[in-house]
Amino acid sequence: MNLLGNLIWLIFGGLVSAIGYCIGGFILCCTVIGIPFGLQCFKMAGFVLWPFGRKAVNNPSSSGTISTFLNIIWIVFGGVWLALTHIAFGIVLFLTIIGIPFARQHFKLVEISLMPFGKKIVAI
């Protein structure tokens, strides 16, 4: 079921979203200050590409203070808009019966798009 869900997700918007996150990651990595943020974009691109069967969990090896500081910067400079976009797509997809599994994936992406630092993606 995960493979089928991921293939449908990929065809109907997952690939475009992943390419968008990759382009943002490349642009951010062009500056020295933006490299940590660009790496988070690449992490989210991989998660957006194949969301079924994976989830974001807290990374115990990450530094709490640095992750919190970087998450605050991320939220101020775009994280809120990414999260609101995933919420909006989730609500629209939730209105249809066939879109409910895909809406759940968008709601799952809200957490990592709002605060990506200190998270890692694991298989369920």
C-alpha atoms as a PDB file:
ATOM      1  CA  MET A   1       0.000   0.000   0.000  1.00  0.00           C
ATOM      2  CA  ASN A   2       2.875   2.379   0.766  1.00  0.00           C
ATOM      3  CA  LEU A   3       4.368   1.876  -2.695  1.00  0.00           C
ATOM      4  CA  LEU A   4       1.047   2.578  -4.417  1.00  0.00           C
ATOM      5  CA  GLY A   5       0.415   5.644  -2.258  1.00  0.00           C
ATOM      6  CA  ASN A   6       3.909   6.964  -2.941  1.00  0.00           C
ATOM      7  CA  LEU A   7       3.542   6.454  -6.698  1.00  0.00           C
ATOM      8  CA  ILE A   8       0.204   8.277  -6.797  1.00  0.00           C
ATOM      9  CA  TRP A   9       1.654  11.008  -4.556  1.00  0.00           C
ATOM     10  CA  LEU A  10       4.687  11.316  -6.853  1.00  0.00           C
ATOM     11  CA  ILE A  11       2.576  11.679  -9.995  1.00  0.00           C
ATOM     12  CA  PHE A  12       0.084  14.163  -8.560  1.00  0.00           C
ATOM     13  CA  GLY A  13       2.367  16.749  -6.992  1.00  0.00           C
ATOM     14  CA  GLY A  14       5.054  15.058  -4.910  1.00  0.00           C
ATOM     15  CA  LEU A  15       7.687  15.358  -7.612  1.00  0.00           C
ATOM     16  CA  VAL A  16       6.929  19.042  -8.196  1.00  0.00           C
ATOM     17  CA  SER A  17       7.076  19.756  -4.449  1.00  0.00           C
ATOM     18  CA  ALA A  18      10.362  17.877  -4.075  1.00  0.00           C
ATOM     19  CA  ILE A  19      11.872  19.784  -6.997  1.00  0.00           C
ATOM     20  CA  GLY A  20      10.747  23.042  -5.362  1.00  0.00           C
ATOM     21  CA  TYR A  21      12.394  22.098  -2.064  1.00  0.00           C
ATOM     22  CA  CYS A  22      15.579  21.098  -3.962  1.00  0.00           C
ATOM     23  CA  ILE A  23      15.698  24.406  -5.836  1.00  0.00           C
ATOM     24  CA  GLY A  24      15.270  26.261  -2.546  1.00  0.00           C
ATOM     25  CA  GLY A  25      18.015  24.108  -1.010  1.00  0.00           C
ATOM     26  CA  PHE A  26      20.416  24.860  -3.862  1.00  0.00           C
ATOM     27  CA  ILE A  27      19.736  28.593  -3.596  1.00  0.00           C
ATOM     28  CA  LEU A  28      20.259  28.554   0.174  1.00  0.00           C
ATOM     29  CA  CYS A  29      23.466  26.526  -0.149  1.00  0.00           C
ATOM     30  CA  CYS A  30      24.968  29.199  -2.410  1.00  0.00           C
ATOM     31  CA  THR A  31      25.609  31.267   0.708  1.00  0.00           C
ATOM     32  CA  VAL A  32      27.669  30.139   3.676  1.00  0.00           C
ATOM     33  CA  ILE A  33      25.015  31.261   6.155  1.00  0.00           C
ATOM     34  CA  GLY A  34      22.258  29.423   4.282  1.00  0.00           C
ATOM     35  CA  ILE A  35      23.946  25.995   4.140  1.00  0.00           C
ATOM     36  CA  PRO A  36      22.240  24.566   7.273  1.00  0.00           C
ATOM     37  CA  PHE A  37      18.882  25.746   5.966  1.00  0.00           C
ATOM     38  CA  GLY A  38      19.588  24.332   2.505  1.00  0.00           C
ATOM     39  CA  LEU A  39      20.393  20.948   4.023  1.00  0.00           C
ATOM     40  CA  GLN A  40      17.027  20.981   5.778  1.00  0.00           C
ATOM     41  CA  CYS A  41      15.365  21.724   2.428  1.00  0.00           C
ATOM     42  CA  PHE A  42      17.052  18.637   0.954  1.00  0.00           C
ATOM     43  CA  LYS A  43      15.851  16.560   3.925  1.00  0.00           C
ATOM     44  CA  MET A  44      12.302  17.782   3.376  1.00  0.00           C
ATOM     45  CA  ALA A  45      12.567  17.144  -0.379  1.00  0.00           C
ATOM     46  CA  GLY A  46      13.314  13.487   0.313  1.00  0.00           C
ATOM     47  CA  PHE A  47      10.412  13.276   2.747  1.00  0.00           C
ATOM     48  CA  VAL A  48       8.016  15.024   0.357  1.00  0.00           C
ATOM     49  CA  LEU A  49       9.086  12.674  -2.426  1.00  0.00           C
ATOM     50  CA  TRP A  50       8.152   9.454  -0.513  1.00  0.00           C
ATOM     51  CA  PRO A  51       5.967  10.314   2.535  1.00  0.00           C
ATOM     52  CA  PHE A  52       4.039   7.040   2.875  1.00  0.00           C
ATOM     53  CA  GLY A  53       5.704   4.626   5.303  1.00  0.00           C
ATOM     54  CA  ARG A  54       7.972   7.265   6.854  1.00  0.00           C
ATOM     55  CA  LYS A  55       7.656   9.812   9.637  1.00  0.00           C
ATOM     56  CA  ALA A  56       9.616  12.618  11.277  1.00  0.00           C
ATOM     57  CA  VAL A  57      10.891  11.984  14.796  1.00  0.00           C
ATOM     58  CA  ASN A  58      13.043  13.960  17.216  1.00  0.00           C
ATOM     59  CA  ASN A  59      16.752  13.353  16.760  1.00  0.00           C
ATOM     60  CA  PRO A  60      18.292  12.724  20.194  1.00  0.00           C
ATOM     61  CA  SER A  61      21.807  13.499  18.945  1.00  0.00           C
ATOM     62  CA  SER A  62      20.975  17.082  17.905  1.00  0.00           C
ATOM     63  CA  SER A  63      21.872  20.009  20.124  1.00  0.00           C
ATOM     64  CA  GLY A  64      18.730  21.470  21.685  1.00  0.00           C
ATOM     65  CA  THR A  65      19.790  25.118  21.934  1.00  0.00           C
ATOM     66  CA  ILE A  66      21.218  25.370  18.429  1.00  0.00           C
ATOM     67  CA  SER A  67      18.254  23.512  16.922  1.00  0.00           C
ATOM     68  CA  THR A  68      15.826  25.796  18.747  1.00  0.00           C
ATOM     69  CA  PHE A  69      17.638  28.933  17.577  1.00  0.00           C
ATOM     70  CA  LEU A  70      17.767  27.716  13.962  1.00  0.00           C
ATOM     71  CA  ASN A  71      14.103  26.667  14.100  1.00  0.00           C
ATOM     72  CA  ILE A  72      13.143  30.172  15.244  1.00  0.00           C
ATOM     73  CA  ILE A  73      15.036  31.664  12.298  1.00  0.00           C
ATOM     74  CA  TRP A  74      13.400  29.094   9.984  1.00  0.00           C
ATOM     75  CA  ILE A  75       9.895  29.934  11.288  1.00  0.00           C
ATOM     76  CA  VAL A  76      10.412  33.681  10.880  1.00  0.00           C
ATOM     77  CA  PHE A  77      11.801  33.446   7.337  1.00  0.00           C
ATOM     78  CA  GLY A  78       9.380  31.016   5.731  1.00  0.00           C
ATOM     79  CA  GLY A  79       8.526  28.023   7.891  1.00  0.00           C
ATOM     80  CA  VAL A  80       5.105  29.406   8.741  1.00  0.00           C
ATOM     81  CA  TRP A  81       4.240  29.771   5.052  1.00  0.00           C
ATOM     82  CA  LEU A  82       5.372  26.232   4.248  1.00  0.00           C
ATOM     83  CA  ALA A  83       3.308  24.844   7.121  1.00  0.00           C
ATOM     84  CA  LEU A  84       0.242  26.883   6.112  1.00  0.00           C
ATOM     85  CA  THR A  85       0.578  25.622   2.536  1.00  0.00           C
ATOM     86  CA  HIS A  86       0.601  22.002   3.713  1.00  0.00           C
ATOM     87  CA  ILE A  87      -2.385  22.706   5.982  1.00  0.00           C
ATOM     88  CA  ALA A  88      -4.328  24.297   3.109  1.00  0.00           C
ATOM     89  CA  PHE A  89      -3.607  21.385   0.757  1.00  0.00           C
ATOM     90  CA  GLY A  90      -4.526  18.965   3.534  1.00  0.00           C
ATOM     91  CA  ILE A  91      -7.881  20.635   4.126  1.00  0.00           C
ATOM     92  CA  VAL A  92      -8.697  20.675   0.412  1.00  0.00           C
ATOM     93  CA  LEU A  93      -7.758  17.010   0.015  1.00  0.00           C
ATOM     94  CA  PHE A  94      -9.660  16.038   3.155  1.00  0.00           C
ATOM     95  CA  LEU A  95     -12.902  17.261   1.563  1.00  0.00           C
ATOM     96  CA  THR A  96     -12.849  14.316  -0.843  1.00  0.00           C
ATOM     97  CA  ILE A  97     -12.956  10.698   0.224  1.00  0.00           C
ATOM     98  CA  ILE A  98     -10.209   9.605  -2.122  1.00  0.00           C
ATOM     99  CA  GLY A  99      -7.949  12.439  -0.960  1.00  0.00           C
ATOM    100  CA  ILE A 100      -7.998  11.589   2.759  1.00  0.00           C
ATOM    101  CA  PRO A 101      -4.772   9.490   2.748  1.00  0.00           C
ATOM    102  CA  PHE A 102      -2.983  12.275   0.903  1.00  0.00           C
ATOM    103  CA  ALA A 103      -4.397  14.900   3.288  1.00  0.00           C
ATOM    104  CA  ARG A 104      -2.955  12.905   6.190  1.00  0.00           C
ATOM    105  CA  GLN A 105       0.465  13.037   4.517  1.00  0.00           C
ATOM    106  CA  HIS A 106       0.214  16.816   4.156  1.00  0.00           C
ATOM    107  CA  PHE A 107      -0.687  17.134   7.840  1.00  0.00           C
ATOM    108  CA  LYS A 108       2.325  14.927   8.638  1.00  0.00           C
ATOM    109  CA  LEU A 109       4.542  17.282   6.603  1.00  0.00           C
ATOM    110  CA  VAL A 110       3.395  20.309   8.633  1.00  0.00           C
ATOM    111  CA  GLU A 111       5.575  19.357  11.612  1.00  0.00           C
ATOM    112  CA  ILE A 112       8.811  19.114   9.672  1.00  0.00           C
ATOM    113  CA  SER A 113       8.083  22.097   7.425  1.00  0.00           C
ATOM    114  CA  LEU A 114       7.512  24.295  10.480  1.00  0.00           C
ATOM    115  CA  MET A 115      10.533  23.147  12.536  1.00  0.00           C
ATOM    116  CA  PRO A 116      12.955  20.905  10.596  1.00  0.00           C
ATOM    117  CA  PHE A 117      16.010  21.228  12.822  1.00  0.00           C
ATOM    118  CA  GLY A 118      16.369  18.458  15.382  1.00  0.00           C
ATOM    119  CA  LYS A 119      14.218  16.030  13.363  1.00  0.00           C
ATOM    120  CA  LYS A 120      15.115  12.976  11.350  1.00  0.00           C
ATOM    121  CA  ILE A 121      13.091  10.887   8.936  1.00  0.00           C
ATOM    122  CA  VAL A 122      12.619   7.205   9.812  1.00  0.00           C
ATOM    123  CA  ALA A 123      10.731   4.345   8.230  1.00  0.00           C
ATOM    124  CA  ILE A 124       7.621   3.186  10.057  1.00  0.00           C
END
